[in-house]
Every structure is written in structure tokens, then in C-alpha cells.
N, C-alpha and C. Protein backbone atom coordinates (compact mmCIF):
# COMPACT_ATOMS: atom_id res chain seq x y z
N UNK A 1 24.60 155.30 147.28
CA UNK A 1 23.45 154.94 148.08
C UNK A 1 22.70 153.76 147.46
N UNK A 2 22.57 153.78 146.11
CA UNK A 2 21.86 152.70 145.43
C UNK A 2 22.62 151.39 145.56
N UNK A 3 23.95 151.46 145.49
CA UNK A 3 24.75 150.25 145.61
C UNK A 3 24.59 149.63 146.99
N UNK A 4 24.60 150.46 148.02
CA UNK A 4 24.45 149.97 149.38
C UNK A 4 23.10 149.31 149.57
N UNK A 5 22.06 149.92 149.05
CA UNK A 5 20.71 149.34 149.16
C UNK A 5 20.62 148.03 148.40
N UNK A 6 21.24 147.96 147.23
CA UNK A 6 21.20 146.74 146.44
C UNK A 6 21.95 145.61 147.15
N UNK A 7 23.12 145.91 147.73
CA UNK A 7 23.87 144.90 148.46
C UNK A 7 23.12 144.42 149.69
N UNK A 8 22.46 145.32 150.38
CA UNK A 8 21.67 144.96 151.56
C UNK A 8 20.51 144.04 151.17
N UNK A 9 19.83 144.37 150.08
CA UNK A 9 18.71 143.55 149.61
C UNK A 9 19.20 142.16 149.18
N UNK A 10 20.33 142.09 148.49
CA UNK A 10 20.87 140.80 148.07
C UNK A 10 21.28 139.94 149.26
N UNK A 11 21.89 140.55 150.25
CA UNK A 11 22.31 139.77 151.42
C UNK A 11 21.10 139.28 152.21
N UNK A 12 20.05 140.09 152.33
CA UNK A 12 18.84 139.64 153.01
C UNK A 12 18.14 138.55 152.23
N UNK A 13 18.11 138.67 150.92
CA UNK A 13 17.51 137.65 150.07
C UNK A 13 18.28 136.33 150.19
N UNK A 14 19.60 136.43 150.26
CA UNK A 14 20.43 135.24 150.42
C UNK A 14 20.12 134.52 151.72
N UNK A 15 19.84 135.26 152.79
CA UNK A 15 19.49 134.64 154.07
C UNK A 15 18.18 133.88 153.97
N UNK A 16 17.25 134.36 153.18
CA UNK A 16 15.95 133.71 153.04
C UNK A 16 16.00 132.51 152.11
N UNK A 17 16.82 132.57 151.08
CA UNK A 17 16.86 131.53 150.06
C UNK A 17 17.76 130.37 150.46
N UNK A 18 18.91 130.66 151.05
CA UNK A 18 19.87 129.61 151.39
C UNK A 18 19.39 128.81 152.60
N UNK A 19 19.48 127.50 152.54
CA UNK A 19 19.01 126.70 153.67
C UNK A 19 19.98 126.77 154.85
N UNK A 20 19.44 126.63 156.04
CA UNK A 20 20.27 126.62 157.24
C UNK A 20 20.92 125.25 157.39
N UNK A 21 21.98 125.19 158.19
CA UNK A 21 22.68 123.92 158.40
C UNK A 21 21.78 122.97 159.18
N UNK A 22 21.76 121.75 158.75
CA UNK A 22 20.97 120.71 159.41
C UNK A 22 21.85 120.01 160.44
N UNK A 23 21.42 119.97 161.67
CA UNK A 23 22.22 119.36 162.73
C UNK A 23 21.80 117.92 163.03
N UNK A 24 21.14 117.28 162.11
CA UNK A 24 20.71 115.90 162.35
C UNK A 24 21.91 114.97 162.52
N UNK A 25 23.03 115.27 161.85
CA UNK A 25 24.23 114.45 162.02
C UNK A 25 24.70 114.47 163.47
N UNK A 26 24.62 115.65 164.12
CA UNK A 26 25.05 115.78 165.51
C UNK A 26 24.10 115.02 166.42
N UNK A 27 22.81 115.13 166.15
CA UNK A 27 21.81 114.45 166.96
C UNK A 27 22.01 112.94 166.92
N UNK A 28 22.30 112.41 165.75
CA UNK A 28 22.51 110.97 165.61
C UNK A 28 23.83 110.55 166.24
N UNK A 29 24.87 111.34 166.05
CA UNK A 29 26.20 111.00 166.56
C UNK A 29 26.23 110.91 168.08
N UNK A 30 25.47 111.81 168.75
CA UNK A 30 25.51 111.90 170.20
C UNK A 30 24.25 111.35 170.87
N UNK A 31 23.40 110.68 170.09
CA UNK A 31 22.16 110.10 170.61
C UNK A 31 21.35 111.11 171.41
N UNK A 32 21.10 112.26 170.80
CA UNK A 32 20.37 113.33 171.45
C UNK A 32 18.95 112.90 171.75
N UNK A 33 18.49 113.16 172.97
CA UNK A 33 17.15 112.75 173.38
C UNK A 33 16.06 113.74 172.98
N UNK A 34 16.46 114.87 172.40
CA UNK A 34 15.49 115.86 171.96
C UNK A 34 15.18 116.93 172.99
N UNK A 35 15.68 116.78 174.22
CA UNK A 35 15.36 117.72 175.28
C UNK A 35 16.60 118.32 175.96
N UNK A 36 17.62 117.51 176.15
CA UNK A 36 18.81 117.94 176.87
C UNK A 36 19.56 119.01 176.08
N UNK A 37 19.98 120.08 176.77
CA UNK A 37 20.72 121.16 176.11
C UNK A 37 22.08 120.65 175.65
N UNK A 38 22.57 121.16 174.53
CA UNK A 38 23.83 120.67 173.94
C UNK A 38 25.03 120.85 174.86
N UNK A 39 25.01 121.84 175.77
CA UNK A 39 26.15 122.05 176.66
C UNK A 39 26.32 120.91 177.65
N UNK A 40 25.27 120.12 177.87
CA UNK A 40 25.39 118.97 178.77
C UNK A 40 26.26 117.88 178.17
N UNK A 41 26.51 117.94 176.88
CA UNK A 41 27.33 116.94 176.21
C UNK A 41 28.81 117.32 176.19
N UNK A 42 29.14 118.51 176.67
CA UNK A 42 30.53 118.96 176.68
C UNK A 42 31.23 118.52 177.96
N UNK A 43 32.52 118.25 177.86
CA UNK A 43 33.32 117.91 179.03
C UNK A 43 34.20 119.13 179.34
N UNK A 44 33.92 119.78 180.47
CA UNK A 44 34.67 120.98 180.85
C UNK A 44 35.86 120.59 181.71
N UNK A 45 36.91 120.14 181.04
CA UNK A 45 38.14 119.73 181.70
C UNK A 45 39.30 120.12 180.79
N UNK A 46 40.40 120.62 181.35
CA UNK A 46 41.51 121.07 180.50
C UNK A 46 42.01 120.03 179.51
N UNK A 47 41.96 118.77 179.87
CA UNK A 47 42.43 117.72 178.97
C UNK A 47 41.57 117.55 177.74
N UNK A 48 40.33 118.04 177.77
CA UNK A 48 39.41 117.89 176.66
C UNK A 48 39.20 119.20 175.90
N UNK A 49 39.93 120.24 176.25
CA UNK A 49 39.80 121.54 175.58
C UNK A 49 40.97 121.75 174.63
N UNK A 50 40.83 122.72 173.75
CA UNK A 50 41.87 123.01 172.77
C UNK A 50 43.08 123.67 173.40
N UNK A 51 44.12 123.93 172.59
CA UNK A 51 45.37 124.48 173.11
C UNK A 51 45.26 125.91 173.62
N UNK A 52 44.22 126.64 173.23
CA UNK A 52 44.08 128.03 173.67
C UNK A 52 43.02 128.21 174.76
N UNK A 53 42.50 127.11 175.29
CA UNK A 53 41.40 127.20 176.25
C UNK A 53 41.82 127.84 177.57
N UNK A 54 42.96 127.48 178.08
CA UNK A 54 43.42 127.99 179.36
C UNK A 54 44.84 128.57 179.21
N UNK A 55 44.95 129.77 178.66
CA UNK A 55 46.29 130.33 178.45
C UNK A 55 46.98 130.65 179.78
N UNK A 56 48.26 130.43 179.82
CA UNK A 56 49.05 130.70 181.02
C UNK A 56 49.83 131.99 180.79
N UNK A 57 49.69 132.98 181.68
CA UNK A 57 50.42 134.24 181.48
C UNK A 57 51.92 134.05 181.67
N UNK A 58 52.68 134.90 181.01
CA UNK A 58 54.13 134.84 181.13
C UNK A 58 54.57 135.35 182.50
N UNK A 59 55.57 134.69 183.06
CA UNK A 59 56.13 135.11 184.35
C UNK A 59 57.44 135.81 184.05
N UNK A 60 57.55 137.04 184.49
CA UNK A 60 58.75 137.84 184.17
C UNK A 60 59.54 138.21 185.42
N UNK A 61 59.41 137.43 186.48
CA UNK A 61 60.15 137.65 187.73
C UNK A 61 59.89 139.03 188.32
N UNK A 62 58.69 139.56 188.12
CA UNK A 62 58.33 140.85 188.69
C UNK A 62 58.92 142.05 187.99
N UNK A 63 59.54 141.85 186.84
CA UNK A 63 60.17 142.94 186.10
C UNK A 63 59.26 143.34 184.94
N UNK A 64 58.97 144.61 184.80
CA UNK A 64 58.14 145.09 183.70
C UNK A 64 59.01 145.77 182.64
N UNK A 65 58.57 145.69 181.41
CA UNK A 65 59.27 146.39 180.32
C UNK A 65 58.99 147.87 180.42
N UNK A 66 59.96 148.67 179.98
CA UNK A 66 59.79 150.12 180.01
C UNK A 66 59.32 150.66 178.67
N UNK A 67 59.26 149.79 177.64
CA UNK A 67 58.81 150.22 176.31
C UNK A 67 57.54 149.48 175.93
N UNK A 68 56.68 150.17 175.20
CA UNK A 68 55.46 149.53 174.70
C UNK A 68 55.82 148.66 173.49
N UNK A 69 55.07 147.59 173.29
CA UNK A 69 55.30 146.75 172.12
C UNK A 69 54.02 146.05 171.70
N UNK A 70 54.01 145.66 170.43
CA UNK A 70 52.93 144.88 169.84
C UNK A 70 53.57 143.64 169.24
N UNK A 71 53.07 142.49 169.62
CA UNK A 71 53.63 141.21 169.14
C UNK A 71 52.59 140.50 168.29
N UNK A 72 53.00 140.03 167.13
CA UNK A 72 52.17 139.20 166.26
C UNK A 72 52.90 137.88 166.06
N UNK A 73 52.19 136.78 166.23
CA UNK A 73 52.84 135.48 166.16
C UNK A 73 51.87 134.46 165.56
N UNK A 74 52.42 133.43 164.98
CA UNK A 74 51.62 132.33 164.46
C UNK A 74 52.00 131.09 165.25
N UNK A 75 51.00 130.41 165.79
CA UNK A 75 51.22 129.20 166.59
C UNK A 75 50.61 128.01 165.88
N UNK A 76 51.19 126.86 166.07
CA UNK A 76 50.65 125.63 165.52
C UNK A 76 50.68 124.54 166.57
N UNK A 77 49.61 123.79 166.68
CA UNK A 77 49.49 122.69 167.63
C UNK A 77 49.00 121.49 166.84
N UNK A 78 49.82 120.48 166.75
CA UNK A 78 49.48 119.33 165.91
C UNK A 78 49.59 118.05 166.73
N UNK A 79 48.50 117.34 166.81
CA UNK A 79 48.48 116.03 167.47
C UNK A 79 47.56 115.12 166.69
N UNK A 80 47.52 113.87 167.05
CA UNK A 80 46.69 112.92 166.34
C UNK A 80 45.22 113.30 166.53
N UNK A 81 44.55 113.59 165.44
CA UNK A 81 43.14 113.94 165.48
C UNK A 81 42.85 115.41 165.68
N UNK A 82 43.88 116.22 165.87
CA UNK A 82 43.65 117.65 166.10
C UNK A 82 44.81 118.46 165.52
N UNK A 83 44.54 119.18 164.44
CA UNK A 83 45.52 120.08 163.84
C UNK A 83 44.98 121.51 164.00
N UNK A 84 45.71 122.32 164.75
CA UNK A 84 45.26 123.68 165.05
C UNK A 84 46.35 124.67 164.70
N UNK A 85 45.98 125.74 164.03
CA UNK A 85 46.88 126.86 163.76
C UNK A 85 46.16 128.14 164.13
N UNK A 86 46.88 129.08 164.73
CA UNK A 86 46.23 130.32 165.11
C UNK A 86 47.18 131.51 165.04
N UNK A 87 46.57 132.66 165.01
CA UNK A 87 47.28 133.93 165.03
C UNK A 87 47.21 134.47 166.44
N UNK A 88 48.34 134.86 167.00
CA UNK A 88 48.42 135.37 168.36
C UNK A 88 48.85 136.83 168.33
N UNK A 89 48.18 137.67 169.09
CA UNK A 89 48.57 139.08 169.21
C UNK A 89 48.70 139.44 170.68
N UNK A 90 49.63 140.31 170.95
CA UNK A 90 49.84 140.77 172.32
C UNK A 90 50.26 142.24 172.29
N UNK A 91 49.63 143.04 173.13
CA UNK A 91 49.94 144.46 173.24
C UNK A 91 50.37 144.73 174.68
N UNK A 92 51.48 145.44 174.84
CA UNK A 92 51.94 145.82 176.16
C UNK A 92 52.18 147.32 176.19
N UNK A 93 51.64 147.96 177.23
CA UNK A 93 51.81 149.40 177.42
C UNK A 93 52.24 149.63 178.87
N UNK A 94 53.42 150.24 179.10
CA UNK A 94 53.84 150.49 180.48
C UNK A 94 53.00 151.59 181.12
N UNK A 95 52.70 151.41 182.38
CA UNK A 95 51.95 152.40 183.15
C UNK A 95 52.74 152.76 184.40
N UNK A 96 52.67 154.00 184.82
CA UNK A 96 53.32 154.44 186.06
C UNK A 96 54.80 154.09 186.08
N UNK A 97 55.52 154.58 185.12
CA UNK A 97 56.95 154.33 184.91
C UNK A 97 57.23 152.83 184.81
N UNK A 98 58.04 152.27 185.67
CA UNK A 98 58.37 150.85 185.56
C UNK A 98 57.68 150.00 186.63
N UNK A 99 56.60 150.49 187.19
CA UNK A 99 55.93 149.77 188.27
C UNK A 99 54.82 148.83 187.80
N UNK A 100 54.14 149.22 186.75
CA UNK A 100 53.01 148.41 186.27
C UNK A 100 52.88 148.56 184.77
N UNK A 101 52.19 147.62 184.18
CA UNK A 101 51.95 147.67 182.75
C UNK A 101 50.64 146.98 182.41
N UNK A 102 50.08 147.36 181.30
CA UNK A 102 48.85 146.75 180.80
C UNK A 102 49.22 145.82 179.65
N UNK A 103 48.85 144.56 179.78
CA UNK A 103 49.15 143.59 178.75
C UNK A 103 47.85 142.94 178.30
N UNK A 104 47.63 142.93 177.00
CA UNK A 104 46.43 142.33 176.42
C UNK A 104 46.88 141.29 175.41
N UNK A 105 46.43 140.06 175.60
CA UNK A 105 46.72 138.96 174.67
C UNK A 105 45.42 138.52 174.04
N UNK A 106 45.48 138.19 172.74
CA UNK A 106 44.25 137.85 172.02
C UNK A 106 44.57 136.92 170.85
N UNK A 107 43.71 135.96 170.62
CA UNK A 107 43.80 135.07 169.46
C UNK A 107 42.71 135.47 168.47
N UNK A 108 43.01 136.34 167.51
CA UNK A 108 41.96 136.81 166.60
C UNK A 108 41.54 135.79 165.55
N UNK A 109 42.37 134.80 165.29
CA UNK A 109 42.04 133.81 164.26
C UNK A 109 42.54 132.45 164.69
N UNK A 110 41.65 131.45 164.58
CA UNK A 110 42.03 130.08 164.90
C UNK A 110 41.43 129.16 163.84
N UNK A 111 42.27 128.34 163.27
CA UNK A 111 41.84 127.38 162.25
C UNK A 111 42.18 125.99 162.76
N UNK A 112 41.20 125.12 162.78
CA UNK A 112 41.45 123.79 163.31
C UNK A 112 40.72 122.73 162.51
N UNK A 113 41.23 121.52 162.58
CA UNK A 113 40.61 120.38 161.95
C UNK A 113 40.71 119.22 162.91
N UNK A 114 39.58 118.69 163.31
CA UNK A 114 39.57 117.56 164.23
C UNK A 114 38.86 116.37 163.60
N UNK A 115 39.26 115.19 164.01
CA UNK A 115 38.55 114.02 163.52
C UNK A 115 37.34 113.77 164.43
N UNK A 116 36.51 112.83 164.04
CA UNK A 116 35.26 112.58 164.75
C UNK A 116 35.52 112.10 166.18
N UNK A 117 36.51 111.27 166.39
CA UNK A 117 36.79 110.75 167.72
C UNK A 117 37.25 111.86 168.68
N UNK A 118 38.12 112.74 168.20
CA UNK A 118 38.60 113.85 169.02
C UNK A 118 37.48 114.84 169.31
N UNK A 119 36.67 115.13 168.33
CA UNK A 119 35.58 116.07 168.49
C UNK A 119 34.59 115.53 169.50
């Protein structure tokens, strides 16, 4: 109990002592007017989004698997100005014999490095 309290106190103290990130670099880079919300500076178009922004589901010709499975995979997407690596997980559970199935895909970890022009 004492250890938990001490760790909680240290983490709260760290939040008070450590300075927050200064976003002045972003304001200068994008000529922020001081009023416009940051989302107005984003371009919502597939060509300007990362490789996992609009995932395309697999087409299996209407055939479902009869066995459940869990898939773990590592993906890499490398282009000029954008190096991205991620962990991909997929869970499939058949439902109602071979008529339907539940499939869940998720990217639990994504590591990327972009240059200023791409960002």
C-alpha cells in the first residue's frame, strides 16, 4: 500500500514539475492566426493520410472460414519522407456454422517518422 501511494505521489509531482510541450514551432510553421482550430489545417483526403487511414477489408468470394484464428503481423510502409512500421492483429470467430463470422482487425502499435514537408 505504501509503495502504491509513493508511486502515485511521484507521478503526480512529475506532472507538476515537468514542463508541457511548447507548440510554438507548429504555430510558426503553419502561420497560425491564433483563432482557427488546428483541424482546419488538416487535409482530409486519402492521398494525404497514412497507410492505415482507410483499410480495405479482405474479399474472400463469399466463403467464410470454419475455424477461429488470431493473426499477428508486422507491416512496413516506406516512401520518401514517410517511414512507417506497425503491428497488425486480426481475430476471426465463425458464427452460425459456415454462414457468418466476426472479424476484428486492429493496429495496436504504429511507429512512424515523417519529414517536415510530408507532415
